[in-house]
N, C-alpha and C. Protein backbone atom coordinates (compact mmCIF):
# COMPACT_ATOMS: atom_id res chain seq x y z
N UNK A 1 49.34 6.00 -70.00
CA UNK A 1 49.05 7.42 -70.04
C UNK A 1 47.68 7.65 -69.39
N UNK A 2 47.63 8.52 -68.43
CA UNK A 2 46.38 8.77 -67.72
C UNK A 2 45.53 9.78 -68.48
N UNK A 3 44.30 9.87 -68.08
CA UNK A 3 43.37 10.80 -68.71
C UNK A 3 43.82 12.25 -68.51
N UNK A 4 44.38 12.53 -67.37
CA UNK A 4 44.87 13.88 -67.09
C UNK A 4 46.01 14.25 -68.04
N UNK A 5 46.90 13.32 -68.33
CA UNK A 5 48.01 13.58 -69.24
C UNK A 5 47.50 13.80 -70.67
N UNK A 6 46.51 13.02 -71.06
CA UNK A 6 45.92 13.21 -72.39
C UNK A 6 45.27 14.58 -72.48
N UNK A 7 44.58 14.99 -71.41
CA UNK A 7 43.92 16.29 -71.38
C UNK A 7 44.95 17.42 -71.51
N UNK A 8 46.04 17.31 -70.80
CA UNK A 8 47.08 18.34 -70.85
C UNK A 8 47.76 18.37 -72.21
N UNK A 9 47.98 17.21 -72.82
CA UNK A 9 48.62 17.16 -74.14
C UNK A 9 47.73 17.74 -75.22
N UNK A 10 46.41 17.57 -75.08
CA UNK A 10 45.48 18.06 -76.09
C UNK A 10 45.26 19.56 -76.00
N UNK A 11 45.63 20.18 -74.91
CA UNK A 11 45.39 21.61 -74.75
C UNK A 11 46.23 22.44 -75.72
N UNK A 12 47.32 21.90 -76.20
CA UNK A 12 48.17 22.63 -77.12
C UNK A 12 47.67 22.64 -78.55
N UNK A 13 46.74 21.77 -78.90
CA UNK A 13 46.23 21.71 -80.27
C UNK A 13 44.70 21.77 -80.24
N UNK A 14 44.13 22.97 -80.32
CA UNK A 14 42.67 23.09 -80.27
C UNK A 14 42.01 22.50 -81.51
N UNK A 15 40.76 22.13 -81.37
CA UNK A 15 39.99 21.52 -82.46
C UNK A 15 39.69 22.55 -83.54
N UNK A 16 39.98 22.22 -84.78
CA UNK A 16 39.65 23.06 -85.92
C UNK A 16 38.69 22.28 -86.81
N UNK A 17 37.43 22.71 -86.92
CA UNK A 17 36.46 21.95 -87.72
C UNK A 17 36.79 22.02 -89.21
N UNK A 18 36.32 21.02 -89.94
CA UNK A 18 36.56 20.95 -91.38
C UNK A 18 35.83 22.08 -92.10
N UNK A 19 34.61 22.40 -91.66
CA UNK A 19 33.83 23.48 -92.25
C UNK A 19 33.71 24.59 -91.20
N UNK A 20 34.16 25.79 -91.51
CA UNK A 20 34.06 26.88 -90.53
C UNK A 20 32.60 27.23 -90.22
N UNK A 21 32.37 27.79 -89.06
CA UNK A 21 31.01 28.10 -88.61
C UNK A 21 30.31 29.08 -89.54
N UNK A 22 31.05 30.01 -90.13
CA UNK A 22 30.44 31.00 -91.01
C UNK A 22 29.91 30.42 -92.31
N UNK A 23 30.40 29.26 -92.74
CA UNK A 23 29.96 28.69 -94.01
C UNK A 23 29.14 27.41 -93.84
N UNK A 24 28.71 27.10 -92.63
CA UNK A 24 27.91 25.89 -92.42
C UNK A 24 26.55 25.98 -93.07
N UNK A 25 25.94 27.17 -93.08
CA UNK A 25 24.63 27.32 -93.71
C UNK A 25 24.72 27.06 -95.21
N UNK A 26 25.74 27.61 -95.86
CA UNK A 26 25.92 27.41 -97.30
C UNK A 26 26.17 25.95 -97.63
N UNK A 27 27.02 25.29 -96.86
CA UNK A 27 27.32 23.87 -97.09
C UNK A 27 26.08 23.03 -96.86
N UNK A 28 25.34 23.30 -95.78
CA UNK A 28 24.12 22.55 -95.50
C UNK A 28 23.07 22.74 -96.57
N UNK A 29 22.91 23.98 -97.05
CA UNK A 29 21.93 24.25 -98.09
C UNK A 29 22.29 23.53 -99.39
N UNK A 30 23.57 23.55 -99.75
CA UNK A 30 24.01 22.86 -100.97
C UNK A 30 23.81 21.35 -100.87
N UNK A 31 24.11 20.78 -99.71
CA UNK A 31 23.91 19.34 -99.52
C UNK A 31 22.43 18.97 -99.61
N UNK A 32 21.56 19.78 -99.01
CA UNK A 32 20.13 19.50 -99.09
C UNK A 32 19.60 19.68 -100.50
N UNK A 33 20.10 20.66 -101.23
CA UNK A 33 19.68 20.86 -102.62
C UNK A 33 20.09 19.67 -103.48
N UNK A 34 21.31 19.20 -103.30
CA UNK A 34 21.76 18.01 -104.02
C UNK A 34 20.94 16.78 -103.65
N UNK A 35 20.55 16.67 -102.38
CA UNK A 35 19.73 15.55 -101.94
C UNK A 35 18.37 15.56 -102.63
N UNK A 36 17.77 16.73 -102.78
CA UNK A 36 16.48 16.83 -103.47
C UNK A 36 16.63 16.46 -104.94
N UNK A 37 17.70 16.90 -105.57
CA UNK A 37 17.93 16.56 -106.98
C UNK A 37 18.15 15.06 -107.14
N UNK A 38 18.98 14.46 -106.29
CA UNK A 38 19.23 13.02 -106.37
C UNK A 38 17.97 12.20 -106.08
N UNK A 39 17.14 12.70 -105.15
CA UNK A 39 15.90 11.99 -104.86
C UNK A 39 14.97 12.02 -106.06
N UNK A 40 14.92 13.16 -106.75
CA UNK A 40 14.12 13.25 -107.97
C UNK A 40 14.63 12.32 -109.06
N UNK A 41 15.94 12.24 -109.20
CA UNK A 41 16.51 11.32 -110.19
C UNK A 41 16.22 9.87 -109.84
N UNK A 42 16.27 9.56 -108.56
CA UNK A 42 15.96 8.20 -108.13
C UNK A 42 14.49 7.87 -108.38
N UNK A 43 13.61 8.85 -108.22
CA UNK A 43 12.19 8.63 -108.47
C UNK A 43 11.88 8.37 -109.93
N UNK A 44 12.72 8.87 -110.84
CA UNK A 44 12.49 8.64 -112.27
C UNK A 44 12.82 7.22 -112.69
N UNK A 45 13.82 6.61 -112.05
CA UNK A 45 14.24 5.27 -112.44
C UNK A 45 14.55 4.48 -111.17
N UNK A 46 13.60 3.73 -110.70
CA UNK A 46 13.79 2.97 -109.45
C UNK A 46 14.22 1.54 -109.76
N UNK A 47 15.50 1.35 -109.90
CA UNK A 47 16.07 0.02 -110.10
C UNK A 47 17.14 -0.21 -109.04
N UNK A 48 17.66 -1.44 -109.01
CA UNK A 48 18.71 -1.74 -108.02
C UNK A 48 19.96 -0.92 -108.29
N UNK A 49 20.32 -0.77 -109.56
CA UNK A 49 21.50 0.04 -109.91
C UNK A 49 21.28 1.50 -109.51
N UNK A 50 20.08 2.00 -109.71
CA UNK A 50 19.76 3.37 -109.33
C UNK A 50 19.75 3.53 -107.81
N UNK A 51 19.36 2.48 -107.11
CA UNK A 51 19.36 2.54 -105.65
C UNK A 51 20.77 2.74 -105.11
N UNK A 52 21.73 2.01 -105.67
CA UNK A 52 23.10 2.10 -105.17
C UNK A 52 23.82 3.34 -105.68
N UNK A 53 23.49 3.81 -106.88
CA UNK A 53 24.23 4.93 -107.45
C UNK A 53 23.60 6.29 -107.17
N UNK A 54 22.28 6.33 -106.90
CA UNK A 54 21.62 7.61 -106.67
C UNK A 54 20.89 7.64 -105.32
N UNK A 55 20.24 6.55 -104.95
CA UNK A 55 19.44 6.53 -103.73
C UNK A 55 20.28 6.61 -102.47
N UNK A 56 21.32 5.84 -102.41
CA UNK A 56 22.19 5.86 -101.23
C UNK A 56 22.89 7.21 -101.04
N UNK A 57 23.48 7.79 -102.11
CA UNK A 57 24.06 9.13 -101.93
C UNK A 57 23.02 10.19 -101.56
N UNK A 58 21.79 10.04 -102.06
CA UNK A 58 20.74 11.01 -101.71
C UNK A 58 20.44 10.95 -100.22
N UNK A 59 20.37 9.76 -99.66
CA UNK A 59 20.07 9.65 -98.24
C UNK A 59 21.23 10.17 -97.39
N UNK A 60 22.45 9.93 -97.82
CA UNK A 60 23.61 10.46 -97.09
C UNK A 60 23.68 11.98 -97.17
N UNK A 61 23.38 12.53 -98.36
CA UNK A 61 23.37 13.98 -98.52
C UNK A 61 22.30 14.61 -97.65
N UNK A 62 21.13 13.98 -97.59
CA UNK A 62 20.06 14.52 -96.75
C UNK A 62 20.44 14.48 -95.27
N UNK A 63 21.06 13.40 -94.84
CA UNK A 63 21.46 13.28 -93.43
C UNK A 63 22.50 14.30 -93.04
N UNK A 64 23.58 14.39 -93.82
CA UNK A 64 24.63 15.35 -93.50
C UNK A 64 24.17 16.79 -93.69
N UNK A 65 23.36 17.03 -94.72
CA UNK A 65 22.84 18.38 -94.95
C UNK A 65 21.96 18.86 -93.82
N UNK A 66 21.11 17.98 -93.32
CA UNK A 66 20.24 18.40 -92.22
C UNK A 66 21.03 18.63 -90.93
N UNK A 67 22.07 17.85 -90.69
CA UNK A 67 22.90 18.08 -89.50
C UNK A 67 23.64 19.42 -89.64
N UNK A 68 24.16 19.72 -90.82
CA UNK A 68 24.83 21.01 -91.02
C UNK A 68 23.86 22.16 -90.84
N UNK A 69 22.62 22.02 -91.32
CA UNK A 69 21.64 23.09 -91.16
C UNK A 69 21.26 23.27 -89.70
N UNK A 70 21.14 22.19 -88.96
CA UNK A 70 20.84 22.30 -87.53
C UNK A 70 21.98 23.01 -86.82
N UNK A 71 23.22 22.70 -87.18
CA UNK A 71 24.36 23.36 -86.56
C UNK A 71 24.44 24.83 -86.99
N UNK A 72 24.03 25.13 -88.22
CA UNK A 72 24.15 26.50 -88.72
C UNK A 72 23.12 27.43 -88.09
N UNK A 73 21.88 26.98 -87.98
CA UNK A 73 20.84 27.87 -87.48
C UNK A 73 20.67 27.75 -85.97
N UNK A 74 21.18 26.70 -85.39
CA UNK A 74 21.08 26.52 -83.95
C UNK A 74 19.76 25.93 -83.53
N UNK A 75 19.76 25.38 -82.34
CA UNK A 75 18.55 24.79 -81.76
C UNK A 75 18.27 25.56 -80.47
N UNK A 76 17.14 26.21 -80.43
CA UNK A 76 16.77 27.00 -79.27
C UNK A 76 15.66 26.30 -78.52
N UNK A 77 15.83 26.15 -77.20
CA UNK A 77 14.84 25.50 -76.39
C UNK A 77 14.16 26.52 -75.51
């Protein structure tokens, strides 16, 4: 299958994002708020168990939340 055939086949099914553009700000804000809460909980008890159960999710929430906020508010150059 050539690239042109793949391009033509994909034209019938447009991309639908998981989170609509109108609600990206709300989702990003909630993820960042949860990240701040989890970071605070991790700061109260810094153990290996806390690192895996609270620290790792906090870093993932912060990463995804900041990407959603960048997409929601836009980047102007």
